[in-house]
Protein backbone atom coordinates (compact mmCIF):
# COMPACT_ATOMS: atom_id res chain seq x y z
CA VAL A 1 109.48 91.84 122.41
CA GLN A 2 107.38 94.74 120.67
CA LEU A 3 107.05 97.20 117.97
CA VAL A 4 105.50 100.53 118.46
CA GLU A 5 104.82 102.21 114.82
CA SER A 6 104.55 105.94 115.34
CA GLY A 7 104.27 108.34 112.05
CA GLY A 8 100.80 108.53 110.82
CA GLY A 9 98.68 110.92 109.96
CA SER A 10 96.54 112.88 107.56
CA VAL A 11 98.25 114.17 104.09
CA GLN A 12 97.41 115.38 100.94
CA ALA A 13 97.63 113.29 97.51
CA GLY A 14 101.45 114.11 96.35
CA GLY A 15 102.62 114.21 99.95
CA SER A 16 104.82 112.52 102.28
CA LEU A 17 104.95 110.52 105.13
CA ARG A 18 107.65 108.97 107.31
CA LEU A 19 106.45 105.78 110.19
CA THR A 20 108.86 104.38 111.94
CA CYS A 21 108.40 101.16 113.91
CA ALA A 22 110.53 101.07 117.59
CA ALA A 23 111.71 97.56 118.51
CA SER A 24 112.46 96.41 122.07
CA GLY A 25 113.45 93.28 123.59
CA TYR A 26 114.93 91.78 119.84
CA THR A 27 117.04 88.31 120.23
CA TYR A 28 117.53 87.54 116.75
CA SER A 29 121.13 87.90 115.14
CA SER A 30 119.33 87.71 112.02
CA TYR A 31 115.73 89.29 110.91
CA CYS A 32 113.38 90.38 108.63
CA MET A 33 111.16 93.54 109.47
CA GLY A 34 108.53 94.72 107.23
CA TRP A 35 105.52 96.90 106.62
CA PHE A 36 102.24 95.78 105.89
CA ARG A 37 99.02 97.61 105.33
CA GLN A 38 95.11 97.28 105.32
CA ALA A 39 92.45 99.66 103.82
CA PRO A 40 89.04 99.01 104.90
CA GLY A 41 87.84 96.12 103.15
CA LYS A 42 90.51 94.85 101.97
CA GLU A 43 93.10 92.00 103.27
CA ARG A 44 96.09 93.16 105.08
CA GLU A 45 99.08 93.35 101.95
CA GLY A 46 102.68 93.69 102.59
CA VAL A 47 104.36 96.75 101.50
CA ALA A 48 108.07 96.65 102.01
CA ALA A 49 110.64 94.46 103.48
CA ILE A 50 114.40 94.60 105.02
CA ASP A 51 116.94 91.90 105.91
CA SER A 52 119.00 92.42 109.31
CA ASP A 53 121.85 92.55 106.27
CA GLY A 54 120.04 95.23 104.46
CA SER A 55 118.20 93.76 101.66
CA THR A 56 114.97 94.91 100.43
CA SER A 57 111.79 94.07 98.64
CA TYR A 58 108.91 96.55 97.57
CA ALA A 59 104.97 95.71 96.53
CA ASP A 60 105.27 96.71 92.81
CA SER A 61 102.59 99.52 93.74
CA VAL A 62 105.10 101.27 95.94
CA LYS A 63 108.29 100.68 94.00
CA GLY A 64 110.24 103.94 93.11
CA ARG A 65 107.70 105.59 95.85
CA PHE A 66 108.48 104.31 99.66
CA THR A 67 111.68 103.66 100.77
CA ILE A 68 112.41 100.97 103.36
CA SER A 69 114.95 101.46 106.02
CA LEU A 70 116.69 99.81 109.18
CA ASP A 71 118.72 101.17 112.07
CA ARG A 72 120.07 98.55 113.64
CA ALA A 73 122.30 100.25 116.16
CA LYS A 74 118.58 101.98 116.95
CA ASN A 75 116.51 99.12 116.36
CA THR A 76 113.97 101.66 114.62
CA LEU A 77 112.50 100.61 111.34
CA SER A 78 111.14 103.29 109.14
CA LEU A 79 109.33 103.82 105.86
CA GLN A 80 109.91 107.03 104.04
CA MET A 81 106.66 107.51 101.78
CA SER A 82 106.71 110.10 99.09
CA SER A 83 103.91 110.79 96.29
CA LEU A 84 101.12 109.36 98.51
CA GLU A 85 98.04 108.49 96.72
CA PHE A 86 94.56 108.20 97.43
CA GLU A 87 94.69 104.30 97.46
CA ASP A 88 97.47 104.32 100.08
CA THR A 89 95.39 105.24 102.86
CA ALA A 90 95.62 102.15 104.87
CA MET A 91 96.34 101.34 108.63
CA TYR A 92 100.20 100.66 108.51
CA TYR A 93 101.61 97.29 110.41
CA CYS A 94 105.08 96.90 111.58
CA ALA A 95 106.04 93.35 111.72
CA SER A 96 109.17 91.18 111.79
CA HIS A 97 110.44 87.81 112.33
CA GLY A 98 113.90 85.67 112.83
CA GLY A 99 115.58 84.61 109.60
CA SER A 100 115.66 86.24 106.45
CA CYS A 101 112.93 87.55 104.75
CA ALA A 102 111.36 85.35 101.91
CA PRO A 103 111.45 86.90 98.16
CA THR A 104 108.18 88.16 98.74
CA ILE A 105 106.34 89.29 101.33
CA GLU A 106 103.57 87.11 102.74
CA GLU A 107 101.86 88.05 106.25
CA GLY A 108 102.01 84.21 107.43
CA ASP A 109 105.40 84.56 107.47
CA PHE A 110 105.57 87.24 110.47
CA GLY A 111 104.82 86.46 113.59
CA LEU A 112 105.52 89.80 115.64
CA TRP A 113 102.93 92.44 114.43
CA GLY A 114 102.81 96.27 116.21
CA GLN A 115 99.30 97.65 116.99
CA GLY A 116 99.30 99.97 113.54
CA THR A 117 99.50 103.46 112.51
CA GLN A 118 96.80 105.10 110.69
CA VAL A 119 97.43 107.25 106.91
CA THR A 120 95.21 108.71 105.40
CA VAL A 121 95.60 110.17 101.77
CA SER A 122 92.89 112.92 100.26
């Protein structure tokens, strides 16, 4: 099983970016996929998560600005980011685990990780 992120880049504050994560080799019938981010000098934090049944959760800092979605047919996870702020600058990681998502987005719950994609807001 492999997760590969794409779509990062540089954008001005107030702009938008869309991240995607392609999953290959997946065999779980029920799973949780999420986005995390890590800024320099800070701990990695959960941004958004989605169940294979479509239930979503978001960090308070991105609610109303970010939208997570899952295309099960294509095994592709997306994160639409709008109204980007300087504080959104970070390396963004896609992650997943079998079973339903927990009520909170916790790094320790996720066992499979992508390599990350950089988002820079200036």
